[in-house]
Amino acid sequence: MFAAPALFGNGIAPATVTALQATQVVTIEQAALVSAIQVTPDIAIQILRCFNQRLQEMHQTIHGLISERAVVRLARLILYSADRYGTQSTPAGLTLNTRLPHQQMARMVGITYEESVRLIKKELAGMVQYDRGGVITIRDATALESVTDPF
């Protein structure tokens, strides 16, 4: 679910959504949603669960932006993407099933494009291989996980 502020608030969606894979979008009018909730209250519970999950993720993101080094945030993003979208085994390692271009990674972890390039090339060298278009291969998962370990 996205554009909730438009549906539940002032009618304005404050963000743009870009699908990372083939997606089917369903548009729901506010009146239809309210009617559906009145008939099936469990719909409201599912929406609240979704919002709760997003709030928790936002809290973790904000906490991470404040307290974690950029390389840790970047490593966590790559590992999260591997877990969330899966990987394919290749001769070079585990290639993510989703693409993560530098610009997208930079926005997601609160750094610049240039910093993303530098961290991948220097700090995560040997652990991660970046190929044009955001194709990422995890070459050493154990070493990448150790970057995220605070101890």
Protein backbone atom coordinates (compact mmCIF):
# COMPACT_ATOMS: atom_id res chain seq x y z
CA MET A 1 0.00 0.00 0.00
CA PHE A 2 1.33 3.42 -0.90
CA ALA A 3 -0.06 6.95 -1.15
CA ALA A 4 -1.82 6.48 2.19
CA PRO A 5 -1.55 10.22 2.96
CA ALA A 6 -3.59 10.88 -0.16
CA LEU A 7 -6.17 8.27 0.79
CA PHE A 8 -6.46 9.08 4.51
CA GLY A 9 -5.34 12.71 4.58
CA ASN A 10 -5.41 15.73 2.34
CA GLY A 11 -5.60 13.92 -0.99
CA ILE A 12 -1.97 14.60 -1.91
CA ALA A 13 0.56 11.79 -2.36
CA PRO A 14 3.92 13.17 -1.15
CA ALA A 15 6.10 10.64 -2.98
CA THR A 16 6.66 8.89 -6.27
CA VAL A 17 6.77 5.11 -6.45
CA THR A 18 8.97 3.16 -8.83
CA ALA A 19 8.39 -0.58 -9.19
CA LEU A 20 11.54 -2.71 -9.10
CA GLN A 21 9.78 -5.60 -10.83
CA ALA A 22 6.59 -6.29 -12.79
CA THR A 23 3.74 -4.96 -10.65
CA GLN A 24 -0.02 -4.75 -10.78
CA VAL A 25 -1.43 -1.55 -9.27
CA VAL A 26 -4.96 -1.32 -7.90
CA THR A 27 -6.52 2.07 -7.22
CA ILE A 28 -9.00 2.29 -4.36
CA GLU A 29 -11.31 5.24 -3.79
CA GLN A 30 -11.63 6.41 -0.19
CA ALA A 31 -15.40 5.83 -0.06
CA ALA A 32 -14.99 2.27 -1.34
CA LEU A 33 -12.33 1.54 1.28
CA VAL A 34 -14.47 2.95 4.10
CA SER A 35 -17.42 0.81 2.95
CA ALA A 36 -15.22 -2.29 2.77
CA ILE A 37 -13.91 -1.62 6.29
CA GLN A 38 -17.45 -1.28 7.62
CA VAL A 39 -18.38 -4.64 6.12
CA THR A 40 -15.07 -6.36 6.96
CA PRO A 41 -13.30 -4.68 9.92
CA ASP A 42 -10.30 -7.03 9.51
CA ILE A 43 -9.29 -4.86 6.55
CA ALA A 44 -8.59 -2.00 8.99
CA ILE A 45 -6.50 -4.34 11.17
CA GLN A 46 -4.40 -5.35 8.14
CA ILE A 47 -3.88 -1.69 7.20
CA LEU A 48 -2.84 -0.89 10.77
CA ARG A 49 -0.37 -3.79 10.72
CA CYS A 50 1.10 -2.44 7.50
CA PHE A 51 1.41 1.06 8.97
CA ASN A 52 2.91 -0.34 12.18
CA GLN A 53 5.54 -2.26 10.21
CA ARG A 54 6.40 0.87 8.23
CA LEU A 55 6.70 2.93 11.41
CA GLN A 56 9.05 0.36 12.91
CA GLU A 57 11.16 0.30 9.73
CA MET A 58 11.24 4.10 9.68
CA HIS A 59 12.33 4.15 13.32
CA GLN A 60 15.14 1.68 12.57
CA THR A 61 16.18 3.72 9.53
CA ILE A 62 16.28 6.96 11.48
CA HIS A 63 18.17 5.31 14.33
CA GLY A 64 20.62 3.85 11.82
CA LEU A 65 21.13 7.19 10.09
CA ILE A 66 21.95 8.76 13.42
CA SER A 67 24.09 6.06 14.98
CA GLU A 68 25.63 3.83 12.31
CA ARG A 69 28.49 4.48 9.94
CA ALA A 70 27.59 4.75 6.25
CA VAL A 71 29.40 1.53 5.32
CA VAL A 72 27.36 -0.38 7.92
CA ARG A 73 24.10 1.05 6.54
CA LEU A 74 25.13 0.13 3.01
CA ALA A 75 26.10 -3.42 4.00
CA ARG A 76 22.79 -3.82 5.85
CA LEU A 77 20.88 -2.63 2.76
CA ILE A 78 22.63 -5.17 0.54
CA LEU A 79 22.02 -8.01 3.00
CA TYR A 80 18.39 -6.92 3.47
CA SER A 81 17.86 -6.87 -0.30
CA ALA A 82 19.38 -10.34 -0.63
CA ASP A 83 17.05 -11.64 2.07
CA ARG A 84 13.96 -9.80 0.82
CA TYR A 85 14.28 -10.38 -2.94
CA GLY A 86 16.50 -13.45 -3.02
CA THR A 87 19.70 -14.26 -4.88
CA GLN A 88 20.93 -16.44 -7.69
CA SER A 89 24.11 -18.44 -7.38
CA THR A 90 26.64 -17.42 -10.03
CA PRO A 91 30.34 -18.20 -10.50
CA ALA A 92 31.16 -14.81 -8.93
CA GLY A 93 28.93 -15.36 -5.88
CA LEU A 94 25.31 -14.61 -4.94
CA THR A 95 23.76 -12.11 -7.35
CA LEU A 96 20.79 -10.14 -5.99
CA ASN A 97 17.47 -10.69 -7.77
CA THR A 98 16.87 -6.96 -7.62
CA ARG A 99 18.98 -4.12 -8.95
CA LEU A 100 20.40 -1.47 -6.65
CA PRO A 101 21.94 1.40 -8.63
CA HIS A 102 24.27 3.68 -6.69
CA GLN A 103 21.78 6.57 -6.75
CA GLN A 104 19.06 4.41 -5.22
CA MET A 105 21.37 2.96 -2.55
CA ALA A 106 22.61 6.45 -1.69
CA ARG A 107 19.07 7.74 -1.16
CA MET A 108 18.10 4.69 0.88
CA VAL A 109 20.99 4.96 3.35
CA GLY A 110 21.36 8.75 3.48
CA ILE A 111 24.63 9.28 1.63
CA THR A 112 25.71 10.82 -1.67
CA TYR A 113 26.06 8.98 -4.96
CA GLU A 114 29.81 9.52 -4.81
CA GLU A 115 30.02 8.09 -1.30
CA SER A 116 28.11 5.00 -2.41
CA VAL A 117 30.58 4.44 -5.27
CA ARG A 118 33.55 4.96 -2.93
CA LEU A 119 32.25 2.62 -0.23
CA ILE A 120 31.51 -0.18 -2.71
CA LYS A 121 34.93 0.19 -4.38
CA LYS A 122 37.04 0.64 -1.23
CA GLU A 123 35.34 -0.42 2.01
CA LEU A 124 33.37 -3.36 0.58
CA ALA A 125 35.93 -4.42 -2.04
CA GLY A 126 36.20 -8.19 -2.19
CA MET A 127 32.89 -8.62 -0.38
CA VAL A 128 30.62 -7.12 -3.04
CA GLN A 129 30.89 -6.76 -6.79
CA TYR A 130 28.96 -3.93 -8.44
CA ASP A 131 28.20 -4.13 -12.15
CA ARG A 132 26.63 -1.52 -14.38
CA GLY A 133 22.93 -0.93 -13.82
CA GLY A 134 22.95 -1.88 -10.16
CA VAL A 135 23.69 -5.59 -10.48
CA ILE A 136 25.19 -6.57 -7.15
CA THR A 137 26.91 -9.85 -6.38
CA ILE A 138 27.83 -10.80 -2.83
CA ARG A 139 31.25 -12.43 -3.11
CA ASP A 140 31.86 -12.96 0.63
CA ALA A 141 28.66 -13.00 2.68
CA THR A 142 30.46 -13.75 5.95
CA ALA A 143 32.74 -10.74 5.59
CA LEU A 144 29.79 -8.54 4.56
CA GLU A 145 27.83 -9.65 7.64
CA SER A 146 30.83 -8.91 9.85
CA VAL A 147 30.70 -5.27 8.68
CA THR A 148 27.24 -5.01 10.28
CA ASP A 149 28.32 -6.63 13.55
CA PRO A 150 29.05 -3.92 16.13
CA PHE A 151 31.54 -6.12 18.00
